[in-house]
N, C-alpha and C. Protein backbone atom coordinates (compact mmCIF):
# COMPACT_ATOMS: atom_id res chain seq x y z
N MET A 1 124.34 -20.22 21.07
CA MET A 1 123.69 -18.76 20.93
C MET A 1 122.38 -18.79 19.99
N GLU A 2 123.00 -19.29 18.70
CA GLU A 2 121.93 -19.34 17.18
C GLU A 2 121.27 -20.22 17.56
N ASP A 3 121.27 -21.44 18.60
CA ASP A 3 119.96 -22.26 18.71
C ASP A 3 118.74 -21.55 19.62
N ASN A 4 119.67 -21.19 20.34
CA ASN A 4 118.11 -20.32 20.88
C ASN A 4 117.32 -19.55 20.38
N LEU A 5 118.24 -19.00 19.34
CA LEU A 5 117.09 -17.59 18.82
C LEU A 5 116.03 -18.94 17.67
N HIS A 6 116.31 -19.77 17.88
CA HIS A 6 115.29 -20.89 16.61
C HIS A 6 114.31 -21.59 17.81
N SER A 7 114.89 -21.51 18.93
CA SER A 7 114.27 -22.65 20.30
C SER A 7 112.66 -22.48 19.78
N PRO A 8 111.91 -23.63 20.40
CA PRO A 8 110.29 -23.50 20.26
C PRO A 8 110.08 -22.70 21.46
N GLN A 9 110.72 -22.33 22.14
CA GLN A 9 110.22 -21.30 23.21
C GLN A 9 110.33 -19.98 22.57
N ARG A 10 111.52 -19.64 22.51
CA ARG A 10 111.36 -18.35 21.89
C ARG A 10 110.48 -18.28 20.72
N ARG A 11 110.30 -19.22 19.63
CA ARG A 11 109.10 -19.02 19.02
C ARG A 11 107.66 -18.62 19.45
N LEU A 12 107.25 -19.61 20.43
CA LEU A 12 106.10 -19.74 21.40
C LEU A 12 105.81 -17.43 21.69
N ILE A 13 107.17 -16.93 22.24
CA ILE A 13 107.22 -15.76 22.72
C ILE A 13 107.02 -14.85 21.69
N GLU A 14 107.30 -15.16 20.60
CA GLU A 14 106.98 -14.55 19.40
C GLU A 14 105.76 -14.46 19.11
N LEU A 15 105.06 -16.06 18.81
CA LEU A 15 103.58 -16.05 18.23
C LEU A 15 102.60 -15.22 19.66
N ARG A 16 103.06 -15.11 20.44
CA ARG A 16 102.60 -14.55 21.86
C ARG A 16 102.26 -12.78 21.58
N MET A 17 103.45 -12.62 21.46
CA MET A 17 103.90 -11.09 21.02
C MET A 17 103.17 -10.59 19.95
N ALA A 18 102.81 -11.19 18.78
CA ALA A 18 102.18 -11.12 17.55
C ALA A 18 100.81 -11.29 17.97
N SER A 19 99.97 -12.08 18.66
CA SER A 19 98.50 -12.12 18.90
C SER A 19 98.50 -10.83 20.05
N ALA A 20 99.12 -10.42 20.88
CA ALA A 20 98.74 -9.08 21.20
C ALA A 20 98.80 -8.24 20.28
N ASP A 21 99.88 -7.81 19.77
CA ASP A 21 99.77 -6.55 18.64
C ASP A 21 98.24 -6.36 17.61
N LEU A 22 98.06 -8.68 17.13
CA LEU A 22 97.01 -8.06 16.58
C LEU A 22 95.88 -7.76 17.51
N ASP A 23 95.69 -8.32 19.05
CA ASP A 23 94.74 -7.72 19.61
C ASP A 23 94.73 -5.59 19.57
N ASP A 24 96.03 -5.62 19.72
CA ASP A 24 95.70 -4.15 20.36
C ASP A 24 95.33 -3.37 18.07
N LEU A 25 95.53 -4.16 17.24
CA LEU A 25 94.80 -3.59 15.76
C LEU A 25 93.75 -3.87 16.25
N ILE A 26 92.95 -5.06 16.58
CA ILE A 26 91.63 -5.19 16.60
C ILE A 26 91.18 -4.06 17.24
N GLN A 27 91.46 -3.79 18.36
CA GLN A 27 90.51 -2.47 19.44
C GLN A 27 90.77 -1.55 18.74
N ARG A 28 91.77 -1.21 17.85
CA ARG A 28 91.96 0.01 17.23
C ARG A 28 91.32 0.14 15.78
N ALA A 29 90.91 -0.65 15.48
CA ALA A 29 90.23 -0.92 14.13
C ALA A 29 88.67 -0.63 14.78
N LYS A 30 88.04 -1.20 16.09
CA LYS A 30 86.90 -1.27 15.99
C LYS A 30 86.77 0.63 16.36
N THR A 31 87.49 1.23 16.99
CA THR A 31 87.12 2.71 18.12
C THR A 31 87.25 3.55 16.32
N ASP A 32 88.44 3.15 15.88
CA ASP A 32 88.74 4.22 14.80
C ASP A 32 87.49 3.80 13.50
N HIS A 33 87.75 2.76 13.00
CA HIS A 33 86.79 2.19 12.00
C HIS A 33 86.06 1.45 12.38
N PRO A 34 84.56 1.49 13.10
CA PRO A 34 84.05 0.71 13.87
C PRO A 34 82.76 0.10 12.10
N GLY A 35 83.19 0.99 10.95
CA GLY A 35 82.31 0.15 9.80
C GLY A 35 83.33 -1.10 9.00
N GLU A 36 84.28 -0.93 9.03
CA GLU A 36 85.67 -1.88 8.47
C GLU A 36 85.54 -3.24 8.91
N ASP A 37 83.44 -4.24 8.34
CA ASP A 37 84.41 -5.15 8.52
C ASP A 37 84.83 -6.31 8.10
N LEU A 38 85.02 -5.75 6.93
CA LEU A 38 86.00 -6.69 6.30
C LEU A 38 87.50 -6.54 7.25
N THR A 39 87.74 -5.84 7.05
CA THR A 39 89.00 -5.32 7.76
C THR A 39 89.07 -6.31 9.06
N LEU A 40 87.93 -6.11 9.98
CA LEU A 40 87.77 -6.60 11.25
C LEU A 40 88.27 -8.29 11.04
N ARG A 41 87.25 -8.86 9.76
CA ARG A 41 87.44 -10.39 9.84
C ARG A 41 88.68 -10.79 9.62
N ARG A 42 89.48 -9.98 8.74
CA ARG A 42 90.37 -10.24 8.44
C ARG A 42 91.57 -10.16 9.57
N LEU A 43 91.78 -9.65 10.46
CA LEU A 43 92.52 -9.10 11.56
C LEU A 43 92.17 -10.73 12.74
N LYS A 44 90.62 -10.43 12.81
CA LYS A 44 89.98 -11.90 13.62
C LYS A 44 90.91 -12.80 13.21
N GLY A 45 91.03 -13.33 11.97
CA GLY A 45 90.75 -14.76 11.02
C GLY A 45 93.15 -14.97 11.69
N GLN A 46 93.59 -13.47 11.30
CA GLN A 46 94.69 -13.52 12.24
C GLN A 46 95.51 -14.27 12.80
N ARG A 47 94.65 -13.22 14.05
CA ARG A 47 94.67 -13.39 15.13
C ARG A 47 94.21 -14.98 15.49
N GLN A 48 93.42 -15.74 14.98
CA GLN A 48 92.87 -16.94 15.06
C GLN A 48 94.20 -18.14 14.77
N GLN A 49 94.40 -18.02 13.44
CA GLN A 49 95.85 -18.45 13.27
C GLN A 49 97.02 -18.30 14.10
N LEU A 50 97.15 -17.02 14.82
CA LEU A 50 98.32 -17.28 15.42
C LEU A 50 98.09 -18.32 17.04
N HIS A 51 96.46 -17.76 17.08
CA HIS A 51 96.29 -18.96 18.59
C HIS A 51 96.38 -20.49 18.45
N ASP A 52 95.56 -20.63 17.00
CA ASP A 52 96.22 -21.83 16.63
C ASP A 52 97.71 -22.51 16.66
N GLN A 53 98.83 -21.83 15.80
CA GLN A 53 99.84 -21.88 16.56
C GLN A 53 100.49 -22.09 17.79
N ILE A 54 99.74 -21.23 18.71
CA ILE A 54 100.61 -21.03 19.93
C ILE A 54 99.91 -22.62 20.55
N ALA A 55 98.42 -22.81 20.25
CA ALA A 55 98.11 -23.79 20.88
C ALA A 55 98.67 -25.55 20.50
N ARG A 56 99.55 -25.62 19.12
CA ARG A 56 100.09 -26.28 18.79
C ARG A 56 101.42 -26.82 19.35
N LEU A 57 101.81 -25.13 19.92
CA LEU A 57 103.28 -25.21 19.75
C LEU A 57 103.59 -25.60 21.65
N GLU A 58 102.02 -25.14 22.29
CA GLU A 58 102.39 -25.92 23.36
C GLU A 58 101.92 -27.18 23.93
N ALA A 59 101.20 -27.44 22.83
CA ALA A 59 100.88 -29.24 22.95
C ALA A 59 102.36 -29.87 23.22
N GLN A 60 102.99 -29.65 21.39
CA GLN A 60 104.59 -30.22 21.78
C GLN A 60 105.55 -29.88 22.40
N LEU A 61 105.59 -28.43 23.35
CA LEU A 61 106.24 -28.27 24.48
C LEU A 61 105.94 -28.97 25.91
N ASP A 62 104.98 -29.39 25.93
CA ASP A 62 104.16 -29.92 27.38
C ASP A 62 103.00 -30.48 27.13
N PRO A 63 103.19 -32.02 26.50
CA PRO A 63 102.49 -33.02 25.97
C PRO A 63 101.57 -33.05 27.45
N PRO A 64 99.95 -32.66 27.02
CA PRO A 64 99.39 -33.69 28.36
C PRO A 64 99.54 -35.39 28.47
N GLU A 65 99.75 -35.47 29.85
CA GLU A 65 100.04 -36.66 31.09
C GLU A 65 99.06 -37.72 30.27
N LEU A 66 99.92 -38.91 30.85
CA LEU A 66 98.89 -40.07 30.40
C LEU A 66 98.62 -40.15 31.59
N ALA A 67 96.97 -40.52 31.99
CA ALA A 67 96.35 -40.86 33.36
C ALA A 67 96.70 -42.31 33.75
């Protein structure tokens, strides 16, 4: 059971959920505080880091097939 909590698949799910949460925060920041460019840039940077982590993990879990 403990191994399942730390599996790469579980981590991928957690990263995708965190990315969705950041998407929501970014949308709210755009509508609630449209002039706060620094906050938006930081949130978007965090989201990009998550997307990079997701891409790396997906590549590890499902490596491309050799032709």
